[in-house]
Amino acid sequence: MIDSTRPDGSGLAALFETLEAPDNVRVELIGGRIVPSPPPVAGHGGLLRRLCGRFLEPNMPEGKGVSLSPVTIVLPCSDADAYVPDLAVLDEDTLWDFDDWKLSADVVHLVVEVVSAGRENRHDDREVKPLGYASGPIPLYLLIDPLRQEVTLFASPSDGKYQERHTVPFGGRIPVPNPFDAVLDTSIFFR
C-alpha cells in the first residue's frame, strides 16, 4: 500500500488524483485501497430507475436533484476515502458544476448503493461505506441489497456512525426522513 501522508505528494491520494481509468470503469478510494469496478450489471440500473421514478422524483425537495452520472464524493475522515455511489441526491446547483469531478460531502443529501455480487464489494457496501458516509456526514445512505432481497436506510450520522439503521425485506416500507419526509415502499424493487 502507498503511504497517503508523504509530504512530496506521491502518496495514495495524489496517485488517485492522477489515475486515468479505462472507459466504463469506476475507481474509488476505500479505506486506503484503490478499488476499480466494472460497469454495473443491468439489474442495478433497473433498481435505480425504479427508485428514481417511483420515489425520488415524486418526493424530491426543492433545490435538490439526482445525479444521473457517477460522482466522486471526497469524505473528510481521511485522505483515503473517495466513494462513487451508484446514485446521489445533491444540491441542484452542484449538478451544473462542470469544473470539478470531486464533490465535498456537504452538498450530498442521500447516497444509494446497490450491492454487487463480489465478496469485497459486498463487504464495502455493507460494512465500510456506512462508516465513511457517516463521517461525511452524509445525512442518508440507502443500501439496496438484491442478494439478500432487503433495503437498509442509514440515517442520523453523528460521531462517525449512523445512529439509526432500518432494514426491511423487499416489500416492506421505510420512512425516509428530512429532506424527503416520505415513505419508501420497497415493493418497487420486486421484478
Protein backbone atom coordinates (compact mmCIF):
# COMPACT_ATOMS: atom_id res chain seq x y z
CA MET A 1 0.00 0.00 0.00
CA ILE A 2 1.18 3.52 -0.75
CA ASP A 3 1.52 5.88 2.21
CA SER A 4 -1.03 8.66 1.69
CA THR A 5 0.69 11.08 4.08
CA ARG A 6 4.03 11.54 2.32
CA PRO A 7 4.92 15.25 2.07
CA ASP A 8 6.11 15.02 -1.54
CA GLY A 9 2.56 14.35 -2.75
CA SER A 10 3.41 10.89 -4.05
CA GLY A 11 1.03 9.16 -1.67
CA LEU A 12 -2.22 7.35 -2.28
CA ALA A 13 -4.38 10.48 -2.53
CA ALA A 14 -2.04 12.00 -5.11
CA LEU A 15 -2.00 8.77 -7.11
CA PHE A 16 -5.81 8.66 -7.02
CA GLU A 17 -5.98 12.26 -8.28
CA THR A 18 -3.94 11.45 -11.38
CA LEU A 19 -5.25 7.96 -12.12
CA GLU A 20 -6.79 7.54 -15.56
CA ALA A 21 -9.18 4.61 -15.53
CA PRO A 22 -10.28 2.81 -18.67
CA ASP A 23 -13.67 3.78 -20.09
CA ASN A 24 -16.64 2.45 -18.13
CA VAL A 25 -14.55 1.67 -15.05
CA ARG A 26 -15.35 3.43 -11.79
CA VAL A 27 -12.46 3.93 -9.41
CA GLU A 28 -12.96 4.54 -5.70
CA LEU A 29 -10.62 5.13 -2.81
CA ILE A 30 -11.93 2.94 0.01
CA GLY A 31 -10.06 2.68 3.30
CA GLY A 32 -6.65 3.14 1.75
CA ARG A 33 -7.32 0.91 -1.28
CA ILE A 34 -7.77 1.99 -4.88
CA VAL A 35 -10.76 -0.07 -5.98
CA PRO A 36 -11.69 -0.32 -9.68
CA SER A 37 -15.19 -1.58 -10.52
CA PRO A 38 -16.53 -2.70 -13.88
CA PRO A 39 -19.78 -1.20 -15.12
CA PRO A 40 -22.73 -2.41 -13.04
CA VAL A 41 -24.97 -5.17 -14.35
CA ALA A 42 -28.25 -4.15 -15.99
CA GLY A 43 -30.25 -5.12 -12.90
CA HIS A 44 -28.60 -2.32 -10.92
CA GLY A 45 -29.87 0.20 -13.44
CA GLY A 46 -33.37 -1.25 -13.21
CA LEU A 47 -33.44 -0.90 -9.42
CA LEU A 48 -32.10 2.66 -9.59
CA ARG A 49 -34.54 3.63 -12.34
CA ARG A 50 -37.46 2.42 -10.22
CA LEU A 51 -36.13 4.26 -7.17
CA CYS A 52 -35.84 7.48 -9.20
CA GLY A 53 -39.15 7.26 -11.00
CA ARG A 54 -41.33 5.93 -8.20
CA PHE A 55 -39.82 7.52 -5.11
CA LEU A 56 -37.15 10.16 -5.57
CA GLU A 57 -38.66 12.28 -8.34
CA PRO A 58 -42.16 12.46 -6.78
CA ASN A 59 -40.65 13.37 -3.38
CA MET A 60 -37.67 15.49 -4.42
CA PRO A 61 -37.25 18.53 -2.17
CA GLU A 62 -36.87 21.94 -3.80
CA GLY A 63 -33.27 22.79 -4.65
CA LYS A 64 -32.15 19.14 -4.81
CA GLY A 65 -31.60 16.85 -7.79
CA VAL A 66 -30.43 13.36 -8.75
CA SER A 67 -27.05 12.96 -10.38
CA LEU A 68 -27.54 10.68 -13.36
CA SER A 69 -23.82 10.19 -13.81
CA PRO A 70 -21.29 8.87 -11.32
CA VAL A 71 -19.85 11.48 -8.96
CA THR A 72 -16.87 11.11 -6.67
CA ILE A 73 -17.55 12.17 -3.10
CA VAL A 74 -14.47 13.04 -1.07
CA LEU A 75 -15.00 12.18 2.57
CA PRO A 76 -13.33 14.25 5.27
CA CYS A 77 -12.41 11.33 7.51
CA SER A 78 -9.05 10.80 5.78
CA ASP A 79 -7.17 11.14 2.50
CA ALA A 80 -8.03 7.50 1.93
CA ASP A 81 -11.74 7.75 1.14
CA ALA A 82 -13.42 8.95 -2.05
CA TYR A 83 -16.55 6.98 -2.96
CA VAL A 84 -18.54 6.82 -6.18
CA PRO A 85 -22.09 5.89 -5.17
CA ASP A 86 -24.50 4.31 -7.63
CA LEU A 87 -26.76 7.33 -7.21
CA ALA A 88 -26.60 10.62 -5.29
CA VAL A 89 -29.05 13.39 -4.45
CA LEU A 90 -27.18 16.69 -4.47
CA ASP A 91 -27.76 20.41 -4.17
CA GLU A 92 -29.20 21.30 -7.57
CA ASP A 93 -26.54 23.96 -8.22
CA THR A 94 -23.90 21.24 -7.97
CA LEU A 95 -25.48 19.41 -10.91
CA TRP A 96 -24.30 22.31 -13.10
CA ASP A 97 -20.65 22.23 -11.99
CA PHE A 98 -18.57 21.21 -14.99
CA ASP A 99 -15.19 22.01 -13.47
CA ASP A 100 -14.56 19.52 -10.70
CA TRP A 101 -15.02 15.76 -10.76
CA LYS A 102 -14.86 15.57 -6.98
CA LEU A 103 -17.58 16.78 -4.63
CA SER A 104 -17.39 17.56 -0.95
CA ALA A 105 -19.84 15.69 1.23
CA ASP A 106 -21.63 18.87 2.33
CA VAL A 107 -23.58 19.10 -0.98
CA VAL A 108 -24.80 15.49 -0.76
CA HIS A 109 -28.14 14.65 0.88
CA LEU A 110 -28.59 10.99 0.00
CA VAL A 111 -26.35 8.31 -1.45
CA VAL A 112 -27.55 4.98 -2.81
CA GLU A 113 -25.53 1.84 -3.29
CA VAL A 114 -26.73 -1.39 -4.89
CA VAL A 115 -24.84 -4.37 -3.51
CA SER A 116 -22.81 -6.29 -6.10
CA ALA A 117 -22.05 -9.98 -6.06
CA GLY A 118 -18.29 -9.74 -5.44
CA ARG A 119 -17.21 -10.56 -1.86
CA GLU A 120 -15.15 -7.39 -1.44
CA ASN A 121 -17.92 -5.22 -2.91
CA ARG A 122 -20.49 -6.73 -0.54
CA HIS A 123 -18.23 -6.04 2.43
CA ASP A 124 -17.50 -2.47 1.34
CA ASP A 125 -21.16 -1.58 0.70
CA ARG A 126 -22.48 -3.22 3.88
CA GLU A 127 -19.69 -2.56 6.39
CA VAL A 128 -17.12 0.01 5.23
CA LYS A 129 -19.19 2.60 3.39
CA PRO A 130 -21.71 3.21 6.19
CA LEU A 131 -18.81 4.44 8.34
CA GLY A 132 -17.30 6.52 5.53
CA TYR A 133 -20.59 8.12 4.52
CA ALA A 134 -21.46 8.82 8.17
CA SER A 135 -18.12 10.60 8.56
CA GLY A 136 -19.20 12.97 5.75
CA PRO A 137 -21.60 13.42 7.37
CA ILE A 138 -23.98 12.45 4.59
CA PRO A 139 -27.48 12.54 6.08
CA LEU A 140 -28.90 9.43 4.39
CA TYR A 141 -27.40 6.24 2.96
CA LEU A 142 -29.78 3.84 1.23
CA LEU A 143 -28.42 0.36 0.61
CA ILE A 144 -30.38 -1.78 -1.86
CA ASP A 145 -29.30 -5.40 -1.47
CA PRO A 146 -30.75 -7.63 -4.22
CA LEU A 147 -28.64 -10.56 -2.95
CA ARG A 148 -30.43 -10.53 0.40
CA GLN A 149 -33.63 -9.03 -1.06
CA GLU A 150 -33.61 -6.24 1.52
CA VAL A 151 -33.19 -2.49 1.80
CA THR A 152 -31.39 -0.66 4.61
CA LEU A 153 -31.63 3.04 5.35
CA PHE A 154 -28.86 4.56 7.45
CA ALA A 155 -29.75 7.95 8.98
CA SER A 156 -28.76 10.48 11.66
CA PRO A 157 -24.96 10.50 11.35
CA SER A 158 -23.10 11.53 14.50
CA ASP A 159 -19.54 10.89 15.69
CA GLY A 160 -18.65 8.97 12.52
CA LYS A 161 -21.56 6.50 12.76
CA TYR A 162 -25.17 6.39 11.69
CA GLN A 163 -27.32 6.43 14.81
CA GLU A 164 -30.33 4.92 13.00
CA ARG A 165 -30.48 1.86 10.80
CA HIS A 166 -33.73 0.46 9.38
CA THR A 167 -33.71 -2.77 7.38
CA VAL A 168 -36.75 -4.26 5.67
CA PRO A 169 -37.19 -7.11 3.20
CA PHE A 170 -38.25 -6.18 -0.32
CA GLY A 171 -41.92 -5.32 0.01
CA GLY A 172 -41.51 -3.54 3.36
CA ARG A 173 -41.84 0.18 3.97
CA ILE A 174 -39.14 2.53 5.25
CA PRO A 175 -39.82 6.08 6.45
CA VAL A 176 -37.26 8.37 4.80
CA PRO A 177 -36.73 11.47 6.95
CA ASN A 178 -35.94 15.05 6.05
CA PRO A 179 -35.44 16.35 3.41
CA PHE A 180 -37.80 13.77 1.85
CA ASP A 181 -40.32 13.13 4.65
CA ALA A 182 -41.86 10.27 2.70
CA VAL A 183 -42.26 6.52 2.98
CA LEU A 184 -40.36 4.27 0.58
CA ASP A 185 -42.42 1.23 -0.40
CA THR A 186 -39.71 -1.27 -1.29
CA SER A 187 -42.11 -3.44 -3.28
CA ILE A 188 -40.92 -1.27 -6.20
CA PHE A 189 -37.80 -3.46 -6.22
CA PHE A 190 -39.71 -6.67 -6.98
CA ARG A 191 -39.34 -7.85 -10.53
